Protein backbone atom coordinates (compact mmCIF):
# COMPACT_ATOMS: atom_id res chain seq x y z
CA MET A 1 -25.50 15.66 -43.55
CA ASP A 2 -22.76 13.15 -44.35
CA TRP A 3 -23.65 9.51 -44.59
CA THR A 4 -21.68 7.10 -42.42
CA PRO A 5 -21.91 3.34 -42.75
CA PRO A 6 -23.39 1.50 -39.77
CA ARG A 7 -20.86 0.10 -37.35
CA ARG A 8 -20.66 -3.62 -37.07
CA GLN A 9 -21.51 -5.12 -33.73
CA GLU A 10 -19.15 -7.49 -31.96
CA GLY A 11 -20.41 -11.02 -32.41
CA SER A 12 -22.76 -10.15 -35.24
CA VAL A 13 -23.19 -12.49 -38.19
CA SER A 14 -21.54 -10.06 -40.60
CA SER A 15 -18.49 -9.68 -38.36
CA GLY A 16 -18.11 -13.47 -38.21
CA VAL A 17 -18.25 -13.75 -41.98
CA GLN A 18 -15.77 -10.90 -42.38
CA ASP A 19 -13.46 -12.44 -39.79
CA ARG A 20 -13.46 -15.76 -41.66
CA ALA A 21 -12.90 -13.98 -44.96
CA SER A 22 -10.00 -11.94 -43.59
CA ARG A 23 -8.51 -15.06 -41.97
CA ARG A 24 -8.74 -16.89 -45.29
CA THR A 25 -7.13 -13.92 -47.05
CA ARG A 26 -4.26 -13.98 -44.56
CA GLU A 27 -3.82 -17.73 -45.01
CA LEU A 28 -3.70 -17.37 -48.79
CA ARG A 29 -1.19 -14.53 -48.47
CA GLU A 30 0.99 -16.70 -46.22
CA LEU A 31 0.87 -19.55 -48.74
CA GLN A 32 1.86 -17.15 -51.50
CA LYS A 33 4.77 -15.80 -49.42
CA GLU A 34 5.91 -19.34 -48.68
CA GLU A 35 5.89 -20.20 -52.38
CA LEU A 36 7.80 -17.01 -53.22
CA ARG A 37 10.41 -17.81 -50.58
CA ARG A 38 10.84 -21.33 -51.97
CA GLU A 39 11.24 -19.87 -55.45
CA ARG A 40 13.82 -17.38 -54.14
CA ASP A 41 15.77 -20.21 -52.50
CA ARG A 42 15.67 -22.28 -55.70
CA LEU A 43 16.89 -19.27 -57.66
CA VAL A 44 19.77 -18.68 -55.23
CA LEU A 45 20.84 -22.32 -55.51
CA ASP A 46 20.56 -22.31 -59.32
CA LEU A 47 22.64 -19.14 -59.57
CA SER A 48 25.26 -20.47 -57.18
CA ARG A 49 25.54 -23.67 -59.22
CA SER A 50 25.82 -21.86 -62.54
CA LEU A 51 27.98 -18.90 -61.45
CA GLY A 52 29.82 -20.19 -58.44
CA THR A 53 29.81 -18.59 -55.01
CA ASP A 54 32.51 -16.00 -55.80
CA GLU A 55 30.79 -14.69 -58.93
CA LEU A 56 27.40 -14.66 -57.19
CA ALA A 57 28.96 -12.69 -54.32
CA ARG A 58 30.34 -10.17 -56.78
CA CYS A 59 26.95 -9.81 -58.48
CA LEU A 60 25.16 -9.37 -55.16
CA GLY A 61 27.81 -6.99 -53.84
CA THR A 62 28.61 -9.15 -50.81
CA THR A 63 31.55 -11.15 -49.56
CA PRO A 64 31.97 -14.80 -50.60
CA ALA A 65 31.45 -15.84 -46.96
CA THR A 66 28.11 -14.04 -46.81
CA THR A 67 27.03 -15.57 -50.08
CA GLU A 68 28.09 -19.02 -48.92
CA THR A 69 25.93 -18.56 -45.82
CA LEU A 70 23.03 -17.43 -48.02
CA VAL A 71 23.41 -20.53 -50.20
CA GLN A 72 23.71 -22.90 -47.24
CA ARG A 73 20.61 -21.48 -45.57
CA ALA A 74 18.64 -21.64 -48.82
CA ARG A 75 19.70 -25.27 -49.24
CA GLY A 76 18.67 -26.01 -45.65
CA ARG A 77 15.27 -24.35 -46.01
CA LEU A 78 14.54 -26.26 -49.20
CA SER A 79 15.53 -29.59 -47.70
CA ASP A 80 13.51 -28.89 -44.53
CA SER A 81 10.42 -27.66 -46.38
CA ALA A 82 9.60 -31.10 -47.74
CA GLY A 83 9.07 -32.72 -44.36
CA SER A 84 8.24 -29.98 -41.89
CA VAL A 85 5.34 -27.71 -41.22
CA SER A 86 5.92 -24.23 -39.91
CA ALA A 87 3.39 -21.72 -38.66
CA ARG A 88 3.34 -18.11 -37.63
CA ARG A 89 1.23 -16.48 -35.02
CA MET A 90 -1.30 -14.44 -36.91
CA GLY A 91 -2.42 -12.15 -34.15
CA ARG A 92 0.52 -11.32 -31.92
CA ASP A 93 3.00 -9.24 -33.88
CA PRO A 94 2.29 -8.84 -37.61
CA GLU A 95 4.70 -5.89 -37.88
CA ARG A 96 7.61 -8.18 -37.06
CA TRP A 97 7.01 -10.30 -40.15
CA ARG A 98 6.13 -7.36 -42.36
CA GLU A 99 9.49 -5.79 -41.55
CA ALA A 100 11.38 -9.01 -42.34
CA ASP A 101 9.50 -9.49 -45.62
CA SER A 102 10.18 -5.93 -46.74
CA HIS A 103 13.87 -6.44 -45.87
CA TYR A 104 14.11 -9.51 -48.14
CA GLU A 105 12.17 -7.75 -50.89
CA ALA A 106 14.66 -4.87 -50.75
CA LEU A 107 17.55 -7.33 -50.99
CA GLY A 108 16.01 -8.85 -54.08
CA ARG A 109 15.47 -5.47 -55.73
CA ASN A 110 19.09 -4.45 -55.10
CA ALA A 111 20.64 -7.59 -56.57
CA ARG A 112 22.57 -7.11 -59.80
CA LEU A 113 22.57 -10.05 -62.16
CA PRO A 114 25.36 -10.51 -64.67
CA PHE A 115 24.56 -9.00 -68.07
CA TRP A 116 24.17 -12.44 -69.71
CA LEU A 117 21.39 -13.38 -67.27
CA ARG A 118 19.43 -10.13 -67.58
CA GLY A 119 16.31 -10.42 -69.67
CA ARG A 120 15.95 -14.17 -69.18
CA SER A 121 12.60 -15.30 -67.86
């Protein structure tokens, strides 16, 4: 006979502890994502300052207009992040945010840096 773990009961003490732990895990993950996004925005601004928008566009494989929009939005997010608080709904539609995050991760993986910037940490 196969052993199966006991099911947790709604409203039980263990489910409350697990709910708090999973909520805390989600909050920490959101903080980490926020920090990674800020770092990405700082990196975009640093690259645009050092390379210029046209060279950055060439490295990213986009048009200068698209890169200019990317830089402006990164600048706006960094200037807004100091004084504003943003929040996401945790329970309504997590797939929506997961899809957006994977999209930005894919963009980052596909970026080609100039040869003189490769290998720098």
